[in-house]
Structure formats: C-alpha cells, structure tokens
Amino acid sequence: HTEYHLEFATINSNMLSMVRNDGAFELYHGGLRARDASGSTIFDHNDYSHYDEYIREGVKNWSYMKFPFISSLGQDDGWYRVGPLARVNNCDFFTTPLAEKERIEFISIGNGKPVQSTLAFHWARLIELLHCSEAIAELLNDKDLCGKELLNSGKLQNIGTGVIEAPRGTLFHHCEINDDGLVEKASLIVSTTNNNQAMNESIREVANQYLDGNQLTEALLNQVEVAIRAYDPCLSCATHAAGQMPRA
C-alpha cells in the first residue's frame, strides 16, 4: 500500500502557499512562498498584495478555467500546486506539538525534497486538521476573541487585495468598488484554478500508468476520480465564461 500511495498519479511540481513571517504554517497572515520540485526556493515572503507581479494566468481554448503560473518560470514550467500538500511541504514548522510531530514524519518520506504524491494531499489534510484542533483549544482563551471589540474600524478603501489559505488552497481576491460601495471590477484566482494544470497532469499520469490504449474501463475512470478528488476541486468556482448566465 505504501508503494501504491507514493506512486499513484505522482507528478513533480512547484508548490505555492502562505507562510508566517518566521516560516510557520499560516492560513491568514503572512507572505507567499514558492518552492520548486527539488525544494529550492523560487521566492519567499512575497507581499500578497502584489501577487499579480509574479503570478500570471494563461488560457487554453479547450477549457473554461485559466492556468496560473509563476511568471519568472513561464507557463510551461511555472505551474504549481496549492492546498494541504503545498502548505505542509512549504512551512518550516507547526506551532502546535502534535501536528509538528506528524509534519516531521510526513516530510521524511521526501528524502529532502517536497513530497509529490497526489494521494499525500489527504495525509497533509489530516495533519492540518490535527493542528486546527490543537489551535482551537488555545484560541478558547485568546484575549482578543474574549474581548468586547467586535469590529475593526478604518478608512473606506476603493481597492482591496486579499489572500488567504482556504481549505482547498491559496485564494486570491482583488476588488475595486465605487463610492456607492458597488463592485466595479473583481479578479479572483481561486484554489481550484491554481491547481488546474496540476489536476490535468495528475490525470495524464493516471493514463500513463493504467491506460493500455484499448478501452476505457470503469476501473480506469475510478482511478481518474481518485486523482481528481485529492485536490477537492470546485469547478464551478473556477469557471470563467462570458455572456448570459447561467450557462447550462
């Protein structure tokens, strides 16, 4: 089972995620870190508000989804994965002890390189769940959460950029609003879009491993589903389509 787990739909990819300023696992506040398949740093602690300076989106005529890539590497080599697999590979440590113990065991199978097994998304997801369970216990006594200040005040801004780590992966939002508070421009790169090329590469690897060129069997289709499911995709979130909505 271990050999199957490590080899199934395995692809070598770059990894992109948010990390805290000290390199710790982070979901909300920090900079962006990208590493290549060997583990070398492409960029680190980049300001998320300028993500469009180092992340680009390609288009292909056969897909309603775009194909993001790291601009310095180009579209062919710059695609990446986001989500639990990228976050656990990229962070230097977890702040909670049980999750950190599991992270050390997880990265040990990479032998100094990022773990690339597609099924390892699920393993990484469990480590994150463990960390969140530990963090919840700590937050129950957090002075900010227990205080009476419920809303931060500030000056109204017409342009805003936000990046968080959603469960599926890194999520980019850029919005511009007018003086009436109506959105005039919005640009989103959601987690599934970030993983678009990687999902296609995983399907290609399944075909290379299991398709004999003669017949599409139920077993093969199931293998494809297993590979896609690891990314927890939301295709409706990631679709770009101009014209009348909804599109049937």
Protein backbone atom coordinates (compact mmCIF):
# COMPACT_ATOMS: atom_id res chain seq x y z
CA HIS A 1 0.00 0.00 0.00
CA THR A 2 2.85 2.41 0.77
CA GLU A 3 4.36 1.96 -2.69
CA TYR A 4 0.96 2.49 -4.33
CA HIS A 5 0.36 5.60 -2.24
CA LEU A 6 3.70 7.13 -3.19
CA GLU A 7 3.48 6.34 -6.90
CA PHE A 8 -0.19 6.88 -7.75
CA ALA A 9 -0.67 9.94 -10.02
CA THR A 10 2.59 11.36 -8.70
CA ILE A 11 3.85 14.43 -10.53
CA ASN A 12 6.76 16.78 -9.89
CA SER A 13 5.51 20.31 -9.38
CA ASN A 14 6.27 23.65 -7.82
CA MET A 15 4.48 24.38 -4.53
CA LEU A 16 2.88 27.70 -3.52
CA SER A 17 1.47 28.66 -0.13
CA MET A 18 1.35 31.31 2.55
CA VAL A 19 3.77 31.12 5.49
CA ARG A 20 4.10 33.18 8.63
CA ASN A 21 6.96 35.68 8.88
CA ASP A 22 9.04 33.12 10.78
CA GLY A 23 8.20 30.35 8.32
CA ALA A 24 5.49 28.71 10.42
CA PHE A 25 2.29 27.22 8.98
CA GLU A 26 -0.19 30.03 8.38
CA LEU A 27 -3.68 30.43 6.95
CA TYR A 28 -4.46 34.14 7.24
CA HIS A 29 -1.48 36.47 7.74
CA GLY A 30 1.91 36.18 6.12
CA GLY A 31 3.83 36.18 2.87
CA LEU A 32 3.80 33.86 -0.11
CA ARG A 33 6.44 31.17 -0.55
CA ALA A 34 7.08 29.13 -3.68
CA ARG A 35 9.44 26.18 -4.00
CA ASP A 36 10.31 24.03 -6.97
CA ALA A 37 10.18 20.24 -7.19
CA SER A 38 13.68 19.91 -5.73
CA GLY A 39 12.79 22.05 -2.73
CA SER A 40 14.74 25.12 -3.85
CA THR A 41 13.11 28.46 -3.09
CA ILE A 42 11.66 30.35 -6.06
CA PHE A 43 10.51 33.27 -3.93
CA ASP A 44 9.84 33.74 -0.23
CA HIS A 45 7.71 36.05 1.93
CA ASN A 46 6.44 37.92 -1.12
CA ASP A 47 3.86 40.60 -0.43
CA TYR A 48 0.48 39.10 -1.30
CA SER A 49 -0.96 42.49 -2.25
CA HIS A 50 1.31 42.46 -5.33
CA TYR A 51 0.63 38.87 -6.31
CA ASP A 52 -0.14 39.91 -9.88
CA GLU A 53 3.51 40.90 -10.31
CA TYR A 54 4.70 37.30 -10.00
CA ILE A 55 1.60 35.21 -10.78
CA ARG A 56 0.11 35.19 -14.27
CA GLU A 57 -2.82 33.31 -15.82
CA GLY A 58 -2.70 31.52 -19.14
CA VAL A 59 -5.70 30.49 -21.22
CA LYS A 60 -6.37 27.47 -23.42
CA ASN A 61 -9.14 27.16 -25.98
CA TRP A 62 -10.39 23.84 -24.61
CA SER A 63 -11.01 24.97 -21.02
CA TYR A 64 -13.25 27.48 -19.24
CA MET A 65 -10.65 27.55 -16.45
CA LYS A 66 -7.46 29.60 -16.55
CA PHE A 67 -3.97 28.22 -15.95
CA PRO A 68 -1.94 30.20 -13.38
CA PHE A 69 1.84 30.09 -13.38
CA ILE A 70 4.84 31.77 -11.76
CA SER A 71 5.76 34.46 -14.25
CA SER A 72 9.53 34.15 -13.83
CA LEU A 73 9.37 30.50 -14.92
CA GLY A 74 6.93 30.84 -17.80
CA GLN A 75 3.72 28.93 -18.42
CA ASP A 76 5.32 25.60 -19.34
CA ASP A 77 7.46 25.31 -16.18
CA GLY A 78 5.80 27.75 -13.79
CA TRP A 79 2.58 25.91 -12.89
CA TYR A 80 2.25 24.85 -9.27
CA ARG A 81 0.12 23.15 -6.66
CA VAL A 82 -1.65 24.74 -3.69
CA GLY A 83 -3.56 23.32 -0.75
CA PRO A 84 -2.68 20.96 2.11
CA LEU A 85 0.14 19.25 0.22
CA ALA A 86 1.83 22.57 -0.60
CA ARG A 87 1.27 24.07 2.85
CA VAL A 88 2.72 21.13 4.79
CA ASN A 89 5.65 20.86 2.37
CA ASN A 90 6.38 24.59 2.40
CA CYS A 91 6.11 25.54 6.06
CA ASP A 92 9.16 25.25 8.33
CA PHE A 93 7.15 24.12 11.35
CA PHE A 94 3.74 23.92 13.00
CA THR A 95 3.20 25.90 16.19
CA THR A 96 1.33 23.01 17.84
CA PRO A 97 3.29 19.97 19.05
CA LEU A 98 1.21 17.06 17.77
CA ALA A 99 0.92 18.48 14.26
CA GLU A 100 4.63 19.30 14.19
CA LYS A 101 5.48 15.71 15.10
CA GLU A 102 3.34 14.48 12.21
CA ARG A 103 4.85 17.04 9.82
CA ILE A 104 8.35 15.76 10.55
CA GLU A 105 7.25 12.21 9.75
CA PHE A 106 5.48 13.42 6.61
CA ILE A 107 8.44 15.26 5.11
CA SER A 108 10.79 12.37 5.93
CA ILE A 109 9.39 10.36 3.02
CA GLY A 110 10.54 13.08 0.62
CA ASN A 111 14.22 12.48 1.44
CA GLY A 112 14.97 16.19 1.47
CA LYS A 113 12.62 17.08 -1.37
CA PRO A 114 8.92 18.04 -1.30
CA VAL A 115 6.52 15.11 -1.08
CA GLN A 116 4.92 14.90 -4.52
CA SER A 117 2.46 12.02 -4.18
CA THR A 118 -1.02 13.19 -5.16
CA LEU A 119 -2.59 10.95 -2.52
CA ALA A 120 -0.43 12.70 0.08
CA PHE A 121 -2.92 15.57 -0.14
CA HIS A 122 -5.11 13.51 2.19
CA TRP A 123 -2.26 12.82 4.62
CA ALA A 124 -1.40 16.52 4.71
CA ARG A 125 -5.08 17.36 5.18
CA LEU A 126 -5.19 15.19 8.30
CA ILE A 127 -2.12 16.93 9.71
CA GLU A 128 -3.81 20.28 9.19
CA LEU A 129 -6.97 19.05 10.91
CA LEU A 130 -4.86 17.96 13.87
CA HIS A 131 -3.18 21.36 14.02
CA CYS A 132 -6.53 23.18 13.85
CA SER A 133 -7.90 21.03 16.66
CA GLU A 134 -4.91 21.95 18.82
CA ALA A 135 -5.17 25.63 17.83
CA ILE A 136 -8.88 25.77 18.69
CA ALA A 137 -8.08 24.70 22.24
CA GLU A 138 -5.57 27.54 22.51
CA LEU A 139 -7.94 30.11 20.99
CA LEU A 140 -10.65 29.40 23.57
CA ASN A 141 -8.66 31.58 25.97
CA ASP A 142 -7.44 34.15 23.44
CA LYS A 143 -7.82 37.64 24.92
CA ASP A 144 -8.80 39.19 21.59
CA LEU A 145 -11.57 36.67 20.99
CA CYS A 146 -12.81 37.03 24.55
CA GLY A 147 -12.77 40.84 24.42
CA LYS A 148 -15.59 43.22 23.61
CA GLU A 149 -14.11 44.77 20.47
CA LEU A 150 -16.05 43.05 17.70
CA LEU A 151 -15.34 45.28 14.69
CA ASN A 152 -12.17 46.93 13.45
CA SER A 153 -12.67 50.48 12.25
CA GLY A 154 -10.78 52.09 9.42
CA LYS A 155 -10.90 54.34 6.39
CA LEU A 156 -13.04 53.16 3.48
CA GLN A 157 -10.84 51.95 0.64
CA ASN A 158 -11.80 51.71 -3.02
CA ILE A 159 -9.30 49.00 -3.87
CA GLY A 160 -8.61 45.88 -1.85
CA THR A 161 -6.50 42.76 -2.29
CA GLY A 162 -6.79 39.76 -0.03
CA VAL A 163 -5.09 36.38 0.08
CA ILE A 164 -5.92 33.54 2.44
CA GLU A 165 -5.34 29.82 2.61
CA ALA A 166 -8.75 28.27 2.03
CA PRO A 167 -9.01 24.53 2.82
CA ARG A 168 -8.53 23.79 -0.91
CA GLY A 169 -5.55 26.13 -1.21
CA THR A 170 -4.38 29.68 -1.80
CA LEU A 171 -7.19 32.08 -2.71
CA PHE A 172 -6.57 35.49 -4.33
CA HIS A 173 -9.21 38.25 -4.36
CA HIS A 174 -8.82 41.71 -5.89
CA CYS A 175 -11.81 44.07 -5.86
CA GLU A 176 -12.39 47.69 -6.84
CA ILE A 177 -15.51 49.49 -5.63
CA ASN A 178 -17.08 52.87 -6.33
CA ASP A 179 -18.21 55.48 -3.82
CA ASP A 180 -21.60 53.75 -3.52
CA GLY A 181 -19.95 50.54 -2.39
CA LEU A 182 -20.69 48.70 -5.63
CA VAL A 183 -18.07 46.41 -7.11
CA GLU A 184 -16.84 47.73 -10.44
CA LYS A 185 -14.02 45.27 -11.01
CA ALA A 186 -13.18 41.91 -9.48
CA SER A 187 -10.40 39.45 -10.20
CA LEU A 188 -10.28 36.11 -8.41
CA ILE A 189 -7.83 33.24 -8.60
CA VAL A 190 -9.46 30.51 -6.55
CA SER A 191 -7.80 27.38 -5.24
CA THR A 192 -9.10 25.10 -7.98
CA THR A 193 -7.83 27.48 -10.65
CA ASN A 194 -4.40 27.45 -9.02
CA ASN A 195 -4.42 23.65 -9.19
CA ASN A 196 -5.80 23.46 -12.72
CA GLN A 197 -2.64 22.43 -14.56
CA ALA A 198 -1.67 20.07 -11.74
CA MET A 199 -5.02 18.27 -11.94
CA ASN A 200 -4.56 17.80 -15.66
CA GLU A 201 -1.03 16.50 -15.12
CA SER A 202 -2.30 14.04 -12.50
CA ILE A 203 -4.91 12.71 -14.93
CA ARG A 204 -2.20 12.37 -17.57
CA GLU A 205 -0.10 10.34 -15.13
CA VAL A 206 -3.04 8.05 -14.33
CA ALA A 207 -3.48 7.45 -18.06
CA ASN A 208 0.23 6.71 -18.45
CA GLN A 209 0.12 4.28 -15.54
CA TYR A 210 -3.14 2.44 -16.18
CA LEU A 211 -4.45 3.05 -19.72
CA ASP A 212 -3.44 0.35 -22.19
CA GLY A 213 -4.78 2.23 -25.19
CA ASN A 214 -7.60 -0.20 -25.87
CA GLN A 215 -10.57 0.54 -23.64
CA LEU A 216 -11.77 2.98 -21.01
CA THR A 217 -12.89 0.75 -18.17
CA GLU A 218 -14.81 1.56 -15.00
CA ALA A 219 -11.65 0.80 -13.04
CA LEU A 220 -9.67 3.35 -15.03
CA LEU A 221 -12.35 6.01 -14.65
CA ASN A 222 -12.32 5.34 -10.93
CA GLN A 223 -8.57 5.93 -10.85
CA VAL A 224 -9.10 9.27 -12.58
CA GLU A 225 -11.73 10.19 -9.99
CA VAL A 226 -9.36 9.27 -7.15
CA ALA A 227 -6.68 11.56 -8.58
CA ILE A 228 -9.06 14.50 -9.06
CA ARG A 229 -10.69 14.01 -5.65
CA ALA A 230 -7.35 14.55 -3.90
CA TYR A 231 -7.47 18.20 -4.97
CA ASP A 232 -11.01 18.73 -3.60
CA PRO A 233 -11.91 20.77 -6.69
CA CYS A 234 -14.80 23.19 -7.12
CA LEU A 235 -15.09 23.54 -10.88
CA SER A 236 -17.99 25.99 -10.72
CA CYS A 237 -15.85 28.29 -8.54
CA ALA A 238 -13.06 28.28 -11.11
CA THR A 239 -15.03 28.61 -14.36
CA HIS A 240 -14.69 31.74 -16.49
CA ALA A 241 -17.44 32.22 -19.07
CA ALA A 242 -18.52 35.42 -20.82
CA GLY A 243 -22.14 36.00 -21.81
CA GLN A 244 -25.54 35.12 -20.44
CA MET A 245 -25.68 33.36 -17.11
CA PRO A 246 -26.40 30.75 -16.03
CA ARG A 247 -24.79 28.55 -18.63
CA ALA A 248 -26.32 25.09 -18.85
